[in-house]
Amino acid sequence: MITLDASSTVPPYEQVRVQIAEQVQDQRLPAGTKLPTIRRLADDLGLAPNTVARAYRELEHDGVIETRGRQGTFVSGSLDRATRLAQEAAMEYAQRVKRLRIASSDALRFVERALDIS
């Protein structure tokens, strides 16, 4: 259940985003839960579809929800944001190392050294 405070200085998309994120965090919306379509939620809340779309985009960017094409939008069962960002950074590093033709053993040694220094 999402409720909007019309007197709040917080924009409606942010109110939607925060409330969904909180409901995911405290398990009221467990992983795998299908969320309403953008249009349906916008209609239910009396908002423009673009407002809900922005909230969904930001939640997806943070890894809270995932869109599965025509199947709809679901609460993500994946990793928390920090872990996801670290994995993305690792993928970028791995791709760069491959382009530079550096041996994986050397690349791993570089990472181990960097982690020891930090």
PDB file of N, CA and C in Angstrom:
ATOM      1  N   MET A   1       0.840  -1.177   0.000  1.00  0.00           N
ATOM      2  CA  MET A   1       0.000   0.000   0.000  1.00  0.00           C
ATOM      3  C   MET A   1       0.883   1.238   0.000  1.00  0.00           C
ATOM      4  N   ILE A   2       0.672   2.097  -0.945  1.00  0.00           N
ATOM      5  CA  ILE A   2       1.427   3.334  -1.060  1.00  0.00           C
ATOM      6  C   ILE A   2       0.472   4.499  -0.819  1.00  0.00           C
ATOM      7  N   THR A   3       0.902   5.404   0.028  1.00  0.00           N
ATOM      8  CA  THR A   3       0.106   6.602   0.275  1.00  0.00           C
ATOM      9  C   THR A   3       0.965   7.824  -0.020  1.00  0.00           C
ATOM     10  N   LEU A   4       0.349   8.792  -0.665  1.00  0.00           N
ATOM     11  CA  LEU A   4       1.055  10.013  -1.014  1.00  0.00           C
ATOM     12  C   LEU A   4       0.630  11.142  -0.096  1.00  0.00           C
ATOM     13  N   ASP A   5       1.574  11.977   0.240  1.00  0.00           N
ATOM     14  CA  ASP A   5       1.307  13.162   1.050  1.00  0.00           C
ATOM     15  C   ASP A   5       1.398  14.366   0.130  1.00  0.00           C
ATOM     16  N   ALA A   6       0.242  14.897  -0.258  1.00  0.00           N
ATOM     17  CA  ALA A   6       0.192  16.020  -1.197  1.00  0.00           C
ATOM     18  C   ALA A   6       0.832  17.275  -0.615  1.00  0.00           C
ATOM     19  N   SER A   7       0.900  17.387   0.701  1.00  0.00           N
ATOM     20  CA  SER A   7       1.483  18.578   1.319  1.00  0.00           C
ATOM     21  C   SER A   7       3.005  18.467   1.501  1.00  0.00           C
ATOM     22  N   SER A   8       3.550  17.307   1.186  1.00  0.00           N
ATOM     23  CA  SER A   8       4.987  17.075   1.357  1.00  0.00           C
ATOM     24  C   SER A   8       5.792  17.820   0.296  1.00  0.00           C
ATOM     25  N   THR A   9       6.991  18.211   0.683  1.00  0.00           N
ATOM     26  CA  THR A   9       7.906  18.827  -0.284  1.00  0.00           C
ATOM     27  C   THR A   9       8.640  17.758  -1.097  1.00  0.00           C
ATOM     28  N   VAL A  10       8.499  16.502  -0.697  1.00  0.00           N
ATOM     29  CA  VAL A  10       9.121  15.391  -1.415  1.00  0.00           C
ATOM     30  C   VAL A  10       8.287  15.114  -2.670  1.00  0.00           C
ATOM     31  N   PRO A  11       8.932  15.076  -3.835  1.00  0.00           N
ATOM     32  CA  PRO A  11       8.179  14.831  -5.073  1.00  0.00           C
ATOM     33  C   PRO A  11       7.464  13.482  -5.033  1.00  0.00           C
ATOM     34  N   PRO A  12       6.331  13.377  -5.720  1.00  0.00           N
ATOM     35  CA  PRO A  12       5.565  12.125  -5.707  1.00  0.00           C
ATOM     36  C   PRO A  12       6.363  10.897  -6.158  1.00  0.00           C
ATOM     37  N   TYR A  13       7.201  11.037  -7.188  1.00  0.00           N
ATOM     38  CA  TYR A  13       7.969   9.865  -7.640  1.00  0.00           C
ATOM     39  C   TYR A  13       8.879   9.361  -6.531  1.00  0.00           C
ATOM     40  N   GLU A  14       9.436  10.295  -5.738  1.00  0.00           N
ATOM     41  CA  GLU A  14      10.334   9.910  -4.648  1.00  0.00           C
ATOM     42  C   GLU A  14       9.552   9.264  -3.511  1.00  0.00           C
ATOM     43  N   GLN A  15       8.349   9.733  -3.251  1.00  0.00           N
ATOM     44  CA  GLN A  15       7.508   9.098  -2.237  1.00  0.00           C
ATOM     45  C   GLN A  15       7.198   7.655  -2.638  1.00  0.00           C
ATOM     46  N   VAL A  16       6.890   7.452  -3.914  1.00  0.00           N
ATOM     47  CA  VAL A  16       6.614   6.097  -4.415  1.00  0.00           C
ATOM     48  C   VAL A  16       7.860   5.241  -4.300  1.00  0.00           C
ATOM     49  N   ARG A  17       8.990   5.775  -4.751  1.00  0.00           N
ATOM     50  CA  ARG A  17      10.252   5.028  -4.722  1.00  0.00           C
ATOM     51  C   ARG A  17      10.611   4.610  -3.302  1.00  0.00           C
ATOM     52  N   VAL A  18      10.558   5.545  -2.374  1.00  0.00           N
ATOM     53  CA  VAL A  18      10.937   5.268  -0.988  1.00  0.00           C
ATOM     54  C   VAL A  18      10.014   4.220  -0.367  1.00  0.00           C
ATOM     55  N   GLN A  19       8.731   4.352  -0.607  1.00  0.00           N
ATOM     56  CA  GLN A  19       7.788   3.415   0.015  1.00  0.00           C
ATOM     57  C   GLN A  19       7.950   2.005  -0.540  1.00  0.00           C
ATOM     58  N   ILE A  20       8.174   1.881  -1.837  1.00  0.00           N
ATOM     59  CA  ILE A  20       8.404   0.540  -2.393  1.00  0.00           C
ATOM     60  C   ILE A  20       9.699  -0.032  -1.840  1.00  0.00           C
ATOM     61  N   ALA A  21      10.762   0.778  -1.817  1.00  0.00           N
ATOM     62  CA  ALA A  21      12.050   0.306  -1.297  1.00  0.00           C
ATOM     63  C   ALA A  21      11.926  -0.137   0.157  1.00  0.00           C
ATOM     64  N   GLU A  22      11.193   0.614   0.964  1.00  0.00           N
ATOM     65  CA  GLU A  22      10.993   0.240   2.368  1.00  0.00           C
ATOM     66  C   GLU A  22      10.219  -1.068   2.491  1.00  0.00           C
ATOM     67  N   GLN A  23       9.208  -1.238   1.645  1.00  0.00           N
ATOM     68  CA  GLN A  23       8.408  -2.461   1.698  1.00  0.00           C
ATOM     69  C   GLN A  23       9.229  -3.678   1.262  1.00  0.00           C
ATOM     70  N   VAL A  24      10.160  -3.478   0.353  1.00  0.00           N
ATOM     71  CA  VAL A  24      11.050  -4.566  -0.047  1.00  0.00           C
ATOM     72  C   VAL A  24      12.018  -4.861   1.098  1.00  0.00           C
ATOM     73  N   GLN A  25      12.571  -3.807   1.687  1.00  0.00           N
ATOM     74  CA  GLN A  25      13.545  -3.955   2.766  1.00  0.00           C
ATOM     75  C   GLN A  25      12.972  -4.718   3.957  1.00  0.00           C
ATOM     76  N   ASP A  26      11.734  -4.401   4.322  1.00  0.00           N
ATOM     77  CA  ASP A  26      11.161  -5.075   5.502  1.00  0.00           C
ATOM     78  C   ASP A  26      10.325  -6.310   5.142  1.00  0.00           C
ATOM     79  N   GLN A  27      10.475  -6.776   3.911  1.00  0.00           N
ATOM     80  CA  GLN A  27       9.872  -8.032   3.452  1.00  0.00           C
ATOM     81  C   GLN A  27       8.356  -7.989   3.280  1.00  0.00           C
ATOM     82  N   ARG A  28       7.739  -6.809   3.338  1.00  0.00           N
ATOM     83  CA  ARG A  28       6.312  -6.749   3.019  1.00  0.00           C
ATOM     84  C   ARG A  28       6.111  -7.047   1.539  1.00  0.00           C
ATOM     85  N   LEU A  29       7.134  -6.745   0.744  1.00  0.00           N
ATOM     86  CA  LEU A  29       7.163  -7.132  -0.675  1.00  0.00           C
ATOM     87  C   LEU A  29       8.355  -8.059  -0.855  1.00  0.00           C
ATOM     88  N   PRO A  30       8.148  -9.362  -0.704  1.00  0.00           N
ATOM     89  CA  PRO A  30       9.275 -10.299  -0.823  1.00  0.00           C
ATOM     90  C   PRO A  30       9.757 -10.446  -2.265  1.00  0.00           C
ATOM     91  N   ALA A  31      10.963 -10.960  -2.406  1.00  0.00           N
ATOM     92  CA  ALA A  31      11.545 -11.200  -3.727  1.00  0.00           C
ATOM     93  C   ALA A  31      10.580 -12.021  -4.570  1.00  0.00           C
ATOM     94  N   GLY A  32      10.449 -11.616  -5.824  1.00  0.00           N
ATOM     95  CA  GLY A  32       9.580 -12.321  -6.752  1.00  0.00           C
ATOM     96  C   GLY A  32       8.172 -11.770  -6.839  1.00  0.00           C
ATOM     97  N   THR A  33       7.818 -10.852  -5.948  1.00  0.00           N
ATOM     98  CA  THR A  33       6.485 -10.259  -5.973  1.00  0.00           C
ATOM     99  C   THR A  33       6.316  -9.433  -7.245  1.00  0.00           C
ATOM    100  N   LYS A  34       5.213  -9.659  -7.938  1.00  0.00           N
ATOM    101  CA  LYS A  34       4.927  -8.891  -9.139  1.00  0.00           C
ATOM    102  C   LYS A  34       4.307  -7.556  -8.736  1.00  0.00           C
ATOM    103  N   LEU A  35       4.857  -6.481  -9.278  1.00  0.00           N
ATOM    104  CA  LEU A  35       4.342  -5.145  -8.994  1.00  0.00           C
ATOM    105  C   LEU A  35       3.290  -4.764 -10.026  1.00  0.00           C
ATOM    106  N   PRO A  36       2.426  -3.822  -9.669  1.00  0.00           N
ATOM    107  CA  PRO A  36       1.430  -3.379 -10.649  1.00  0.00           C
ATOM    108  C   PRO A  36       2.120  -2.693 -11.836  1.00  0.00           C
ATOM    109  N   THR A  37       1.433  -2.683 -12.952  1.00  0.00           N
ATOM    110  CA  THR A  37       1.979  -1.978 -14.111  1.00  0.00           C
ATOM    111  C   THR A  37       2.077  -0.492 -13.771  1.00  0.00           C
ATOM    112  N   ILE A  38       2.880   0.203 -14.532  1.00  0.00           N
ATOM    113  CA  ILE A  38       3.035   1.642 -14.335  1.00  0.00           C
ATOM    114  C   ILE A  38       1.682   2.336 -14.442  1.00  0.00           C
ATOM    115  N   ARG A  39       0.937   2.001 -15.482  1.00  0.00           N
ATOM    116  CA  ARG A  39      -0.370   2.654 -15.685  1.00  0.00           C
ATOM    117  C   ARG A  39      -1.330   2.369 -14.537  1.00  0.00           C
ATOM    118  N   ARG A  40      -1.346   1.126 -14.103  1.00  0.00           N
ATOM    119  CA  ARG A  40      -2.282   0.757 -13.026  1.00  0.00           C
ATOM    120  C   ARG A  40      -1.937   1.487 -11.728  1.00  0.00           C
ATOM    121  N   LEU A  41      -0.651   1.487 -11.376  1.00  0.00           N
ATOM    122  CA  LEU A  41      -0.254   2.160 -10.144  1.00  0.00           C
ATOM    123  C   LEU A  41      -0.489   3.667 -10.261  1.00  0.00           C
ATOM    124  N   ALA A  42      -0.198   4.223 -11.421  1.00  0.00           N
ATOM    125  CA  ALA A  42      -0.448   5.656 -11.631  1.00  0.00           C
ATOM    126  C   ALA A  42      -1.936   5.966 -11.448  1.00  0.00           C
ATOM    127  N   ASP A  43      -2.791   5.142 -12.040  1.00  0.00           N
ATOM    128  CA  ASP A  43      -4.241   5.331 -11.885  1.00  0.00           C
ATOM    129  C   ASP A  43      -4.660   5.207 -10.419  1.00  0.00           C
ATOM    130  N   ASP A  44      -4.148   4.182  -9.736  1.00  0.00           N
ATOM    131  CA  ASP A  44      -4.498   3.958  -8.334  1.00  0.00           C
ATOM    132  C   ASP A  44      -4.103   5.137  -7.445  1.00  0.00           C
ATOM    133  N   LEU A  45      -2.955   5.756  -7.774  1.00  0.00           N
ATOM    134  CA  LEU A  45      -2.439   6.845  -6.947  1.00  0.00           C
ATOM    135  C   LEU A  45      -2.842   8.233  -7.443  1.00  0.00           C
ATOM    136  N   GLY A  46      -3.479   8.273  -8.619  1.00  0.00           N
ATOM    137  CA  GLY A  46      -3.853   9.560  -9.192  1.00  0.00           C
ATOM    138  C   GLY A  46      -2.664  10.347  -9.700  1.00  0.00           C
ATOM    139  N   LEU A  47      -1.667   9.623 -10.221  1.00  0.00           N
ATOM    140  CA  LEU A  47      -0.450  10.245 -10.726  1.00  0.00           C
ATOM    141  C   LEU A  47      -0.340  10.071 -12.239  1.00  0.00           C
ATOM    142  N   ALA A  48       0.523  10.847 -12.839  1.00  0.00           N
ATOM    143  CA  ALA A  48       0.836  10.663 -14.256  1.00  0.00           C
ATOM    144  C   ALA A  48       1.699   9.410 -14.391  1.00  0.00           C
ATOM    145  N   PRO A  49       1.509   8.632 -15.455  1.00  0.00           N
ATOM    146  CA  PRO A  49       2.332   7.439 -15.645  1.00  0.00           C
ATOM    147  C   PRO A  49       3.836   7.722 -15.622  1.00  0.00           C
ATOM    148  N   ASN A  50       4.255   8.879 -16.136  1.00  0.00           N
ATOM    149  CA  ASN A  50       5.689   9.207 -16.135  1.00  0.00           C
ATOM    150  C   ASN A  50       6.253   9.332 -14.723  1.00  0.00           C
ATOM    151  N   THR A  51       5.420   9.727 -13.781  1.00  0.00           N
ATOM    152  CA  THR A  51       5.858   9.841 -12.387  1.00  0.00           C
ATOM    153  C   THR A  51       6.181   8.467 -11.822  1.00  0.00           C
ATOM    154  N   VAL A  52       5.286   7.523 -12.036  1.00  0.00           N
ATOM    155  CA  VAL A  52       5.527   6.151 -11.565  1.00  0.00           C
ATOM    156  C   VAL A  52       6.675   5.519 -12.347  1.00  0.00           C
ATOM    157  N   ALA A  53       6.749   5.806 -13.638  1.00  0.00           N
ATOM    158  CA  ALA A  53       7.837   5.254 -14.459  1.00  0.00           C
ATOM    159  C   ALA A  53       9.190   5.704 -13.922  1.00  0.00           C
ATOM    160  N   ARG A  54       9.284   6.946 -13.495  1.00  0.00           N
ATOM    161  CA  ARG A  54      10.552   7.433 -12.938  1.00  0.00           C
ATOM    162  C   ARG A  54      10.903   6.691 -11.650  1.00  0.00           C
ATOM    163  N   ALA A  55       9.920   6.496 -10.786  1.00  0.00           N
ATOM    164  CA  ALA A  55      10.169   5.752  -9.547  1.00  0.00           C
ATOM    165  C   ALA A  55      10.641   4.335  -9.864  1.00  0.00           C
ATOM    166  N   TYR A  56       9.974   3.670 -10.815  1.00  0.00           N
ATOM    167  CA  TYR A  56      10.358   2.317 -11.203  1.00  0.00           C
ATOM    168  C   TYR A  56      11.767   2.300 -11.792  1.00  0.00           C
ATOM    169  N   ARG A  57      12.094   3.278 -12.628  1.00  0.00           N
ATOM    170  CA  ARG A  57      13.442   3.331 -13.234  1.00  0.00           C
ATOM    171  C   ARG A  57      14.507   3.428 -12.155  1.00  0.00           C
ATOM    172  N   GLU A  58      14.269   4.294 -11.185  1.00  0.00           N
ATOM    173  CA  GLU A  58      15.263   4.466 -10.121  1.00  0.00           C
ATOM    174  C   GLU A  58      15.364   3.216  -9.243  1.00  0.00           C
ATOM    175  N   LEU A  59      14.243   2.585  -8.980  1.00  0.00           N
ATOM    176  CA  LEU A  59      14.272   1.337  -8.214  1.00  0.00           C
ATOM    177  C   LEU A  59      15.003   0.241  -8.985  1.00  0.00           C
ATOM    178  N   GLU A  60      14.805   0.221 -10.290  1.00  0.00           N
ATOM    179  CA  GLU A  60      15.503  -0.779 -11.107  1.00  0.00           C
ATOM    180  C   GLU A  60      16.992  -0.486 -11.134  1.00  0.00           C
ATOM    181  N   HIS A  61      17.356   0.773 -11.247  1.00  0.00           N
ATOM    182  CA  HIS A  61      18.768   1.156 -11.239  1.00  0.00           C
ATOM    183  C   HIS A  61      19.442   0.740  -9.934  1.00  0.00           C
ATOM    184  N   ASP A  62      18.705   0.827  -8.834  1.00  0.00           N
ATOM    185  CA  ASP A  62      19.236   0.444  -7.523  1.00  0.00           C
ATOM    186  C   ASP A  62      19.176  -1.055  -7.260  1.00  0.00           C
ATOM    187  N   GLY A  63      18.618  -1.815  -8.205  1.00  0.00           N
ATOM    188  CA  GLY A  63      18.553  -3.262  -8.048  1.00  0.00           C
ATOM    189  C   GLY A  63      17.426  -3.750  -7.170  1.00  0.00           C
ATOM    190  N   VAL A  64      16.491  -2.881  -6.839  1.00  0.00           N
ATOM    191  CA  VAL A  64      15.375  -3.261  -5.967  1.00  0.00           C
ATOM    192  C   VAL A  64      14.324  -4.036  -6.746  1.00  0.00           C
ATOM    193  N   ILE A  65      14.100  -3.617  -7.991  1.00  0.00           N
ATOM    194  CA  ILE A  65      13.114  -4.287  -8.840  1.00  0.00           C
ATOM    195  C   ILE A  65      13.761  -4.628 -10.172  1.00  0.00           C
ATOM    196  N   GLU A  66      13.106  -5.498 -10.926  1.00  0.00           N
ATOM    197  CA  GLU A  66      13.595  -5.849 -12.259  1.00  0.00           C
ATOM    198  C   GLU A  66      12.412  -5.998 -13.199  1.00  0.00           C
ATOM    199  N   THR A  67      12.624  -5.537 -14.414  1.00  0.00           N
ATOM    200  CA  THR A  67      11.592  -5.656 -15.436  1.00  0.00           C
ATOM    201  C   THR A  67      11.917  -6.863 -16.293  1.00  0.00           C
ATOM    202  N   ARG A  68      10.918  -7.687 -16.512  1.00  0.00           N
ATOM    203  CA  ARG A  68      11.101  -8.912 -17.305  1.00  0.00           C
ATOM    204  C   ARG A  68      10.258  -8.828 -18.574  1.00  0.00           C
ATOM    205  N   GLY A  69      10.445  -7.770 -19.322  1.00  0.00           N
ATOM    206  CA  GLY A  69       9.725  -7.603 -20.581  1.00  0.00           C
ATOM    207  C   GLY A  69       8.228  -7.630 -20.387  1.00  0.00           C
ATOM    208  N   ARG A  70       7.560  -8.410 -21.213  1.00  0.00           N
ATOM    209  CA  ARG A  70       6.097  -8.481 -21.169  1.00  0.00           C
ATOM    210  C   ARG A  70       5.555  -9.156 -19.920  1.00  0.00           C
ATOM    211  N   GLN A  71       6.424  -9.872 -19.203  1.00  0.00           N
ATOM    212  CA  GLN A  71       5.975 -10.537 -17.975  1.00  0.00           C
ATOM    213  C   GLN A  71       5.665  -9.539 -16.874  1.00  0.00           C
ATOM    214  N   GLY A  72       6.320  -8.395 -16.889  1.00  0.00           N
ATOM    215  CA  GLY A  72       6.043  -7.367 -15.900  1.00  0.00           C
ATOM    216  C   GLY A  72       7.249  -6.989 -15.073  1.00  0.00           C
ATOM    217  N   THR A  73       6.973  -6.303 -13.983  1.00  0.00           N
ATOM    218  CA  THR A  73       8.009  -5.811 -13.081  1.00  0.00           C
ATOM    219  C   THR A  73       7.884  -6.545 -11.753  1.00  0.00           C
ATOM    220  N   PHE A  74       9.028  -6.998 -11.246  1.00  0.00           N
ATOM    221  CA  PHE A  74       9.045  -7.832 -10.050  1.00  0.00           C
ATOM    222  C   PHE A  74      10.060  -7.306  -9.044  1.00  0.00           C
ATOM    223  N   VAL A  75       9.818  -7.623  -7.774  1.00  0.00           N
ATOM    224  CA  VAL A  75      10.815  -7.353  -6.751  1.00  0.00           C
ATOM    225  C   VAL A  75      11.998  -8.263  -7.043  1.00  0.00           C
ATOM    226  N   SER A  76      13.152  -7.671  -7.076  1.00  0.00           N
ATOM    227  CA  SER A  76      14.354  -8.415  -7.426  1.00  0.00           C
ATOM    228  C   SER A  76      14.717  -9.425  -6.351  1.00  0.00           C
ATOM    229  N   GLY A  77      15.133 -10.573  -6.790  1.00  0.00           N
ATOM    230  CA  GLY A  77      15.621 -11.589  -5.867  1.00  0.00           C
ATOM    231  C   GLY A  77      17.129 -11.597  -5.855  1.00  0.00           C
ATOM    232  N   SER A  78      17.698 -10.562  -6.468  1.00  0.00           N
ATOM    233  CA  SER A  78      19.151 -10.534  -6.614  1.00  0.00           C
ATOM    234  C   SER A  78      19.817  -9.855  -5.428  1.00  0.00           C
ATOM    235  N   LEU A  79      21.029  -9.488  -5.629  1.00  0.00           N
ATOM    236  CA  LEU A  79      21.889  -8.990  -4.579  1.00  0.00           C
ATOM    237  C   LEU A  79      21.591  -7.548  -4.181  1.00  0.00           C
ATOM    238  N   ASP A  80      22.075  -7.173  -3.036  1.00  0.00           N
ATOM    239  CA  ASP A  80      21.905  -5.787  -2.630  1.00  0.00           C
ATOM    240  C   ASP A  80      22.719  -4.876  -3.554  1.00  0.00           C
ATOM    241  N   ARG A  81      22.451  -3.604  -3.492  1.00  0.00           N
ATOM    242  CA  ARG A  81      23.034  -2.646  -4.430  1.00  0.00           C
ATOM    243  C   ARG A  81      24.554  -2.626  -4.372  1.00  0.00           C
ATOM    244  N   ALA A  82      25.150  -2.621  -3.193  1.00  0.00           N
ATOM    245  CA  ALA A  82      26.609  -2.561  -3.075  1.00  0.00           C
ATOM    246  C   ALA A  82      27.258  -3.769  -3.747  1.00  0.00           C
ATOM    247  N   THR A  83      26.685  -4.939  -3.516  1.00  0.00           N
ATOM    248  CA  THR A  83      27.227  -6.145  -4.133  1.00  0.00           C
ATOM    249  C   THR A  83      27.086  -6.079  -5.642  1.00  0.00           C
ATOM    250  N   ARG A  84      25.927  -5.616  -6.092  1.00  0.00           N
ATOM    251  CA  ARG A  84      25.697  -5.512  -7.530  1.00  0.00           C
ATOM    252  C   ARG A  84      26.684  -4.547  -8.179  1.00  0.00           C
ATOM    253  N   LEU A  85      26.919  -3.406  -7.542  1.00  0.00           N
ATOM    254  CA  LEU A  85      27.856  -2.435  -8.084  1.00  0.00           C
ATOM    255  C   LEU A  85      29.276  -2.987  -8.113  1.00  0.00           C
ATOM    256  N   ALA A  86      29.635  -3.722  -7.080  1.00  0.00           N
ATOM    257  CA  ALA A  86      30.966  -4.337  -7.061  1.00  0.00           C
ATOM    258  C   ALA A  86      31.108  -5.356  -8.186  1.00  0.00           C
ATOM    259  N   GLN A  87      30.057  -6.127  -8.429  1.00  0.00           N
ATOM    260  CA  GLN A  87      30.105  -7.099  -9.521  1.00  0.00           C
ATOM    261  C   GLN A  87      30.208  -6.407 -10.873  1.00  0.00           C
ATOM    262  N   GLU A  88      29.493  -5.296 -11.022  1.00  0.00           N
ATOM    263  CA  GLU A  88      29.572  -4.550 -12.281  1.00  0.00           C
ATOM    264  C   GLU A  88      30.984  -4.009 -12.491  1.00  0.00           C
ATOM    265  N   ALA A  89      31.596  -3.500 -11.419  1.00  0.00           N
ATOM    266  CA  ALA A  89      32.964  -2.994 -11.519  1.00  0.00           C
ATOM    267  C   ALA A  89      33.929  -4.126 -11.877  1.00  0.00           C
ATOM    268  N   ALA A  90      33.706  -5.288 -11.294  1.00  0.00           N
ATOM    269  CA  ALA A  90      34.554  -6.440 -11.604  1.00  0.00           C
ATOM    270  C   ALA A  90      34.420  -6.846 -13.072  1.00  0.00           C
ATOM    271  N   MET A  91      33.194  -6.805 -13.581  1.00  0.00           N
ATOM    272  CA  MET A  91      32.978  -7.141 -14.994  1.00  0.00           C
ATOM    273  C   MET A  91      33.693  -6.139 -15.905  1.00  0.00           C
ATOM    274  N   GLU A  92      33.600  -4.858 -15.570  1.00  0.00           N
ATOM    275  CA  GLU A  92      34.276  -3.834 -16.362  1.00  0.00           C
ATOM    276  C   GLU A  92      35.782  -4.053 -16.327  1.00  0.00           C
ATOM    277  N   TYR A  93      36.304  -4.363 -15.154  1.00  0.00           N
ATOM    278  CA  TYR A  93      37.739  -4.627 -15.016  1.00  0.00           C
ATOM    279  C   TYR A  93      38.148  -5.847 -15.840  1.00  0.00           C
ATOM    280  N   ALA A  94      37.367  -6.899 -15.741  1.00  0.00           N
ATOM    281  CA  ALA A  94      37.683  -8.123 -16.488  1.00  0.00           C
ATOM    282  C   ALA A  94      37.681  -7.861 -17.994  1.00  0.00           C
ATOM    283  N   GLN A  95      36.718  -7.105 -18.461  1.00  0.00           N
ATOM    284  CA  GLN A  95      36.663  -6.797 -19.893  1.00  0.00           C
ATOM    285  C   GLN A  95      37.880  -5.979 -20.328  1.00  0.00           C
ATOM    286  N   ARG A  96      38.269  -5.029 -19.489  1.00  0.00           N
ATOM    287  CA  ARG A  96      39.440  -4.208 -19.826  1.00  0.00           C
ATOM    288  C   ARG A  96      40.713  -5.042 -19.832  1.00  0.00           C
ATOM    289  N   VAL A  97      40.865  -5.911 -18.839  1.00  0.00           N
ATOM    290  CA  VAL A  97      42.044  -6.779 -18.755  1.00  0.00           C
ATOM    291  C   VAL A  97      42.133  -7.657 -20.003  1.00  0.00           C
ATOM    292  N   LYS A  98      40.997  -8.185 -20.447  1.00  0.00           N
ATOM    293  CA  LYS A  98      40.991  -9.016 -21.658  1.00  0.00           C
ATOM    294  C   LYS A  98      41.410  -8.210 -22.873  1.00  0.00           C
ATOM    295  N   ARG A  99      40.890  -6.969 -22.989  1.00  0.00           N
ATOM    296  CA  ARG A  99      41.266  -6.118 -24.126  1.00  0.00           C
ATOM    297  C   ARG A  99      42.763  -5.816 -24.114  1.00  0.00           C
ATOM    298  N   LEU A 100      43.339  -5.667 -22.914  1.00  0.00           N
ATOM    299  CA  LEU A 100      44.762  -5.374 -22.780  1.00  0.00           C
ATOM    300  C   LEU A 100      45.624  -6.636 -22.873  1.00  0.00           C
ATOM    301  N   ARG A 101      44.960  -7.783 -22.951  1.00  0.00           N
ATOM    302  CA  ARG A 101      45.644  -9.082 -23.055  1.00  0.00           C
ATOM    303  C   ARG A 101      46.582  -9.350 -21.879  1.00  0.00           C
ATOM    304  N   ILE A 102      46.070  -9.050 -20.695  1.00  0.00           N
ATOM    305  CA  ILE A 102      46.813  -9.319 -19.463  1.00  0.00           C
ATOM    306  C   ILE A 102      46.350 -10.663 -18.925  1.00  0.00           C
ATOM    307  N   ALA A 103      47.293 -11.463 -18.495  1.00  0.00           N
ATOM    308  CA  ALA A 103      46.968 -12.792 -17.965  1.00  0.00           C
ATOM    309  C   ALA A 103      46.074 -12.655 -16.735  1.00  0.00           C
ATOM    310  N   SER A 104      45.115 -13.571 -16.598  1.00  0.00           N
ATOM    311  CA  SER A 104      44.208 -13.500 -15.461  1.00  0.00           C
ATOM    312  C   SER A 104      44.946 -13.616 -14.136  1.00  0.00           C
ATOM    313  N   SER A 105      46.020 -14.391 -14.092  1.00  0.00           N
ATOM    314  CA  SER A 105      46.776 -14.499 -12.838  1.00  0.00           C
ATOM    315  C   SER A 105      47.370 -13.140 -12.455  1.00  0.00           C
ATOM    316  N   ASP A 106      47.850 -12.384 -13.439  1.00  0.00           N
ATOM    317  CA  ASP A 106      48.371 -11.043 -13.161  1.00  0.00           C
ATOM    318  C   ASP A 106      47.241 -10.111 -12.728  1.00  0.00           C
ATOM    319  N   ALA A 107      46.113 -10.188 -13.423  1.00  0.00           N
ATOM    320  CA  ALA A 107      44.976  -9.334 -13.097  1.00  0.00           C
ATOM    321  C   ALA A 107      44.504  -9.586 -11.667  1.00  0.00           C
ATOM    322  N   LEU A 108      44.443 -10.843 -11.266  1.00  0.00           N
ATOM    323  CA  LEU A 108      44.043 -11.176  -9.897  1.00  0.00           C
ATOM    324  C   LEU A 108      45.058 -10.646  -8.881  1.00  0.00           C
ATOM    325  N   ARG A 109      46.322 -10.744  -9.228  1.00  0.00           N
ATOM    326  CA  ARG A 109      47.365 -10.236  -8.335  1.00  0.00           C
ATOM    327  C   ARG A 109      47.216  -8.721  -8.149  1.00  0.00           C
ATOM    328  N   PHE A 110      46.877  -8.012  -9.233  1.00  0.00           N
ATOM    329  CA  PHE A 110      46.660  -6.566  -9.155  1.00  0.00           C
ATOM    330  C   PHE A 110      45.517  -6.246  -8.193  1.00  0.00           C
ATOM    331  N   VAL A 111      44.451  -7.007  -8.302  1.00  0.00           N
ATOM    332  CA  VAL A 111      43.285  -6.775  -7.437  1.00  0.00           C
ATOM    333  C   VAL A 111      43.638  -7.076  -5.982  1.00  0.00           C
ATOM    334  N   GLU A 112      44.330  -8.175  -5.746  1.00  0.00           N
ATOM    335  CA  GLU A 112      44.710  -8.529  -4.379  1.00  0.00           C
ATOM    336  C   GLU A 112      45.582  -7.445  -3.767  1.00  0.00           C
ATOM    337  N   ARG A 113      46.530  -6.928  -4.552  1.00  0.00           N
ATOM    338  CA  ARG A 113      47.381  -5.854  -4.063  1.00  0.00           C
ATOM    339  C   ARG A 113      46.564  -4.603  -3.768  1.00  0.00           C
ATOM    340  N   ALA A 114      45.653  -4.274  -4.654  1.00  0.00           N
ATOM    341  CA  ALA A 114      44.826  -3.085  -4.460  1.00  0.00           C
ATOM    342  C   ALA A 114      43.955  -3.209  -3.208  1.00  0.00           C
ATOM    343  N   LEU A 115      43.451  -4.396  -2.948  1.00  0.00           N
ATOM    344  CA  LEU A 115      42.631  -4.605  -1.762  1.00  0.00           C
ATOM    345  C   LEU A 115      43.462  -4.548  -0.484  1.00  0.00           C
ATOM    346  N   ASP A 116      44.706  -5.030  -0.545  1.00  0.00           N
ATOM    347  CA  ASP A 116      45.580  -4.980   0.622  1.00  0.00           C
ATOM    348  C   ASP A 116      45.978  -3.552   0.956  1.00  0.00           C
ATOM    349  N   ILE A 117      46.113  -2.733  -0.068  1.00  0.00           N
ATOM    350  CA  ILE A 117      46.523  -1.345   0.119  1.00  0.00           C
ATOM    351  C   ILE A 117      45.373  -0.536   0.693  1.00  0.00           C
ATOM    352  N   SER A 118      44.173  -0.842   0.269  1.00  0.00           N
ATOM    353  CA  SER A 118      43.005  -0.030   0.664  1.00  0.00           C
ATOM    354  C   SER A 118      42.694  -0.122   2.116  1.00  0.00           C
TER     355      SER A 118
END
